[in-house]
Amino acid sequence: MSESRIVLHFPKTLLDRPVISKAVQHYNLSFNILRADITQEQEGLMVLGLEGEQDDIDAAVEWMREQGVRVQPLEKDVVRDDERCTHCGACVVICPTDALAMDLQTREVAFDAAQCVACGLCVPVCPPRAMSIHF
């Protein structure tokens, strides 16, 4: 069983079509909506966790692209600028998934992109503005 976290950009022409439900049914996947911003007459954005066989996930992603959905891995969208980070730990306290954690030995903040759900809570609390989300 594999898991993949992706960012989906829906053109406004697809907002009324059941793209996700068809993909998960046809490719036998489970899904979790991690974040969504979908408004009529605008591009829709969804951060989605998919679980299933890797070949099925890959096929579903390809099918969504064929439908006109822009798909990209989540890891490329949540970014920490290591040069700006002062390892103050402000983000650690607010992170609901422990994607940001303080190493008790080195006192440095580690960022695990695989744990991140792109909630964005870390961005405004980061004093040096080292965290950013690029959807």
C-alpha atoms as a PDB file:
ATOM      1  CA  MET A   1       0.000   0.000   0.000  1.00  0.00           C
ATOM      2  CA  SER A   2       1.370   3.414  -0.984  1.00  0.00           C
ATOM      3  CA  GLU A   3       0.431   6.949  -0.093  1.00  0.00           C
ATOM      4  CA  SER A   4       0.841  10.108  -2.128  1.00  0.00           C
ATOM      5  CA  ARG A   5       0.050  13.728  -1.313  1.00  0.00           C
ATOM      6  CA  ILE A   6      -0.727  15.896  -4.290  1.00  0.00           C
ATOM      7  CA  VAL A   7      -1.939  19.379  -5.127  1.00  0.00           C
ATOM      8  CA  LEU A   8      -4.718  19.597  -7.701  1.00  0.00           C
ATOM      9  CA  HIS A   9      -5.564  22.752  -9.646  1.00  0.00           C
ATOM     10  CA  PHE A  10      -9.001  22.524 -11.230  1.00  0.00           C
ATOM     11  CA  PRO A  11      -9.864  24.877 -14.091  1.00  0.00           C
ATOM     12  CA  LYS A  12     -13.249  26.495 -13.562  1.00  0.00           C
ATOM     13  CA  THR A  13     -14.666  24.382 -16.411  1.00  0.00           C
ATOM     14  CA  LEU A  14     -14.198  21.229 -14.285  1.00  0.00           C
ATOM     15  CA  LEU A  15     -15.640  22.452 -10.987  1.00  0.00           C
ATOM     16  CA  ASP A  16     -19.014  20.820 -11.578  1.00  0.00           C
ATOM     17  CA  ARG A  17     -17.583  17.425 -12.620  1.00  0.00           C
ATOM     18  CA  PRO A  18     -16.953  14.538 -10.159  1.00  0.00           C
ATOM     19  CA  VAL A  19     -13.278  14.085 -11.066  1.00  0.00           C
ATOM     20  CA  ILE A  20     -12.072  12.917  -7.641  1.00  0.00           C
ATOM     21  CA  SER A  21     -14.936  10.508  -6.984  1.00  0.00           C
ATOM     22  CA  LYS A  22     -14.513   8.900 -10.414  1.00  0.00           C
ATOM     23  CA  ALA A  23     -10.734   8.586  -9.970  1.00  0.00           C
ATOM     24  CA  VAL A  24     -10.919   6.944  -6.552  1.00  0.00           C
ATOM     25  CA  GLN A  25     -13.707   4.580  -7.616  1.00  0.00           C
ATOM     26  CA  HIS A  26     -12.137   3.549 -10.907  1.00  0.00           C
ATOM     27  CA  TYR A  27      -8.610   3.088  -9.519  1.00  0.00           C
ATOM     28  CA  ASN A  28      -9.659   1.593  -6.146  1.00  0.00           C
ATOM     29  CA  LEU A  29      -8.100   4.341  -4.004  1.00  0.00           C
ATOM     30  CA  SER A  30      -8.849   5.882  -0.634  1.00  0.00           C
ATOM     31  CA  PHE A  31      -8.552   9.632  -0.270  1.00  0.00           C
ATOM     32  CA  ASN A  32      -8.330  12.341   2.348  1.00  0.00           C
ATOM     33  CA  ILE A  33      -8.944  15.998   1.527  1.00  0.00           C
ATOM     34  CA  LEU A  34      -6.220  17.874   3.395  1.00  0.00           C
ATOM     35  CA  ARG A  35      -7.130  21.330   2.138  1.00  0.00           C
ATOM     36  CA  ALA A  36      -9.553  22.762  -0.406  1.00  0.00           C
ATOM     37  CA  ASP A  37     -10.333  26.162  -1.841  1.00  0.00           C
ATOM     38  CA  ILE A  38     -12.995  25.822  -4.497  1.00  0.00           C
ATOM     39  CA  THR A  39     -15.144  28.753  -5.560  1.00  0.00           C
ATOM     40  CA  GLN A  40     -17.484  29.075  -8.535  1.00  0.00           C
ATOM     41  CA  GLU A  41     -15.986  30.893 -11.520  1.00  0.00           C
ATOM     42  CA  GLN A  42     -12.390  30.577 -10.214  1.00  0.00           C
ATOM     43  CA  GLU A  43      -9.682  27.950 -10.380  1.00  0.00           C
ATOM     44  CA  GLY A  44     -10.155  25.347  -7.652  1.00  0.00           C
ATOM     45  CA  LEU A  45      -7.329  24.120  -5.426  1.00  0.00           C
ATOM     46  CA  MET A  46      -7.288  20.875  -3.474  1.00  0.00           C
ATOM     47  CA  VAL A  47      -4.560  19.178  -1.458  1.00  0.00           C
ATOM     48  CA  LEU A  48      -5.344  15.490  -1.486  1.00  0.00           C
ATOM     49  CA  GLY A  49      -3.883  12.406   0.138  1.00  0.00           C
ATOM     50  CA  LEU A  50      -4.293   9.241  -1.932  1.00  0.00           C
ATOM     51  CA  GLU A  51      -3.772   5.702  -0.671  1.00  0.00           C
ATOM     52  CA  GLY A  52      -3.652   2.513  -2.698  1.00  0.00           C
ATOM     53  CA  GLU A  53      -1.349   0.528  -4.928  1.00  0.00           C
ATOM     54  CA  GLN A  54       1.332   2.781  -6.455  1.00  0.00           C
ATOM     55  CA  ASP A  55       0.430   1.760 -10.027  1.00  0.00           C
ATOM     56  CA  ASP A  56      -3.203   2.718  -9.322  1.00  0.00           C
ATOM     57  CA  ILE A  57      -2.182   6.071  -7.839  1.00  0.00           C
ATOM     58  CA  ASP A  58       0.004   6.798 -10.872  1.00  0.00           C
ATOM     59  CA  ALA A  59      -2.784   5.809 -13.271  1.00  0.00           C
ATOM     60  CA  ALA A  60      -5.337   7.959 -11.410  1.00  0.00           C
ATOM     61  CA  VAL A  61      -3.013  10.977 -11.481  1.00  0.00           C
ATOM     62  CA  GLU A  62      -2.451  10.506 -15.211  1.00  0.00           C
ATOM     63  CA  TRP A  63      -6.214  10.196 -15.766  1.00  0.00           C
ATOM     64  CA  MET A  64      -6.831  13.437 -13.808  1.00  0.00           C
ATOM     65  CA  ARG A  65      -4.240  15.206 -15.964  1.00  0.00           C
ATOM     66  CA  GLU A  66      -6.013  13.947 -19.075  1.00  0.00           C
ATOM     67  CA  GLN A  67      -9.241  15.482 -17.720  1.00  0.00           C
ATOM     68  CA  GLY A  68      -7.518  18.879 -17.505  1.00  0.00           C
ATOM     69  CA  VAL A  69      -6.496  18.945 -13.835  1.00  0.00           C
ATOM     70  CA  ARG A  70      -2.997  20.276 -13.128  1.00  0.00           C
ATOM     71  CA  VAL A  71      -1.361  17.875 -10.642  1.00  0.00           C
ATOM     72  CA  GLN A  72       1.849  18.335  -8.700  1.00  0.00           C
ATOM     73  CA  PRO A  73       3.428  16.677  -5.653  1.00  0.00           C
ATOM     74  CA  LEU A  74       2.778  18.470  -2.359  1.00  0.00           C
ATOM     75  CA  GLU A  75       6.442  18.335  -1.331  1.00  0.00           C
ATOM     76  CA  LYS A  76       7.322  20.915  -3.962  1.00  0.00           C
ATOM     77  CA  ASP A  77       4.795  23.456  -2.668  1.00  0.00           C
ATOM     78  CA  VAL A  78       5.654  23.819   1.010  1.00  0.00           C
ATOM     79  CA  VAL A  79       9.141  25.243   1.309  1.00  0.00           C
ATOM     80  CA  ARG A  80      11.450  26.266   4.122  1.00  0.00           C
ATOM     81  CA  ASP A  81      14.243  28.700   3.320  1.00  0.00           C
ATOM     82  CA  ASP A  82      17.043  27.190   5.394  1.00  0.00           C
ATOM     83  CA  GLU A  83      19.106  30.376   5.125  1.00  0.00           C
ATOM     84  CA  ARG A  84      16.334  32.445   6.710  1.00  0.00           C
ATOM     85  CA  CYS A  85      15.361  29.915   9.395  1.00  0.00           C
ATOM     86  CA  THR A  86      16.696  30.870  12.841  1.00  0.00           C
ATOM     87  CA  HIS A  87      15.426  27.646  14.471  1.00  0.00           C
ATOM     88  CA  CYS A  88      13.377  29.632  16.976  1.00  0.00           C
ATOM     89  CA  GLY A  89      10.726  26.907  17.165  1.00  0.00           C
ATOM     90  CA  ALA A  90       7.661  29.138  16.736  1.00  0.00           C
ATOM     91  CA  CYS A  91       6.462  26.901  13.909  1.00  0.00           C
ATOM     92  CA  VAL A  92       6.931  23.719  15.930  1.00  0.00           C
ATOM     93  CA  VAL A  93       4.285  24.725  18.454  1.00  0.00           C
ATOM     94  CA  ILE A  94       1.643  25.420  15.798  1.00  0.00           C
ATOM     95  CA  CYS A  95       2.280  22.479  13.420  1.00  0.00           C
ATOM     96  CA  PRO A  96      -0.624  19.996  13.793  1.00  0.00           C
ATOM     97  CA  THR A  97       1.144  17.086  12.063  1.00  0.00           C
ATOM     98  CA  ASP A  98       4.632  17.332  13.583  1.00  0.00           C
ATOM     99  CA  ALA A  99       6.082  18.044  10.145  1.00  0.00           C
ATOM    100  CA  LEU A 100       8.126  20.695  11.952  1.00  0.00           C
ATOM    101  CA  ALA A 101       9.918  19.352  15.007  1.00  0.00           C
ATOM    102  CA  MET A 102      12.718  20.532  17.282  1.00  0.00           C
ATOM    103  CA  ASP A 103      15.726  18.220  17.488  1.00  0.00           C
ATOM    104  CA  LEU A 104      16.440  18.185  21.210  1.00  0.00           C
ATOM    105  CA  GLN A 105      20.127  17.412  20.693  1.00  0.00           C
ATOM    106  CA  THR A 106      20.995  20.110  18.130  1.00  0.00           C
ATOM    107  CA  ARG A 107      18.161  22.567  18.992  1.00  0.00           C
ATOM    108  CA  GLU A 108      17.456  22.871  15.255  1.00  0.00           C
ATOM    109  CA  VAL A 109      14.039  22.687  13.627  1.00  0.00           C
ATOM    110  CA  ALA A 110      13.675  19.780  11.229  1.00  0.00           C
ATOM    111  CA  PHE A 111      11.100  19.896   8.426  1.00  0.00           C
ATOM    112  CA  ASP A 112       9.589  16.605   7.203  1.00  0.00           C
ATOM    113  CA  ALA A 113       7.729  17.452   3.996  1.00  0.00           C
ATOM    114  CA  ALA A 114       6.142  13.984   3.932  1.00  0.00           C
ATOM    115  CA  GLN A 115       4.234  14.803   7.154  1.00  0.00           C
ATOM    116  CA  CYS A 116       3.110  18.248   5.957  1.00  0.00           C
ATOM    117  CA  VAL A 117      -0.531  18.763   4.955  1.00  0.00           C
ATOM    118  CA  ALA A 118      -0.017  22.340   3.697  1.00  0.00           C
ATOM    119  CA  CYS A 119      -2.342  23.840   6.298  1.00  0.00           C
ATOM    120  CA  GLY A 120      -0.308  27.061   6.180  1.00  0.00           C
ATOM    121  CA  LEU A 121      -0.331  27.674   9.931  1.00  0.00           C
ATOM    122  CA  CYS A 122       3.464  27.894  10.049  1.00  0.00           C
ATOM    123  CA  VAL A 123       3.709  30.709   7.518  1.00  0.00           C
ATOM    124  CA  PRO A 124       2.316  33.648   9.544  1.00  0.00           C
ATOM    125  CA  VAL A 125       3.934  32.571  12.843  1.00  0.00           C
ATOM    126  CA  CYS A 126       7.466  32.324  11.423  1.00  0.00           C
ATOM    127  CA  PRO A 127       9.291  35.510  12.561  1.00  0.00           C
ATOM    128  CA  PRO A 128      11.984  35.446   9.814  1.00  0.00           C
ATOM    129  CA  ARG A 129       9.403  34.323   7.182  1.00  0.00           C
ATOM    130  CA  ALA A 130      11.353  31.167   6.351  1.00  0.00           C
ATOM    131  CA  MET A 131       8.224  29.101   5.590  1.00  0.00           C
ATOM    132  CA  SER A 132       6.196  29.597   2.422  1.00  0.00           C
ATOM    133  CA  ILE A 133       3.550  27.838   0.378  1.00  0.00           C
ATOM    134  CA  HIS A 134       3.625  28.061  -3.412  1.00  0.00           C
ATOM    135  CA  PHE A 135       0.391  26.793  -4.912  1.00  0.00           C
END
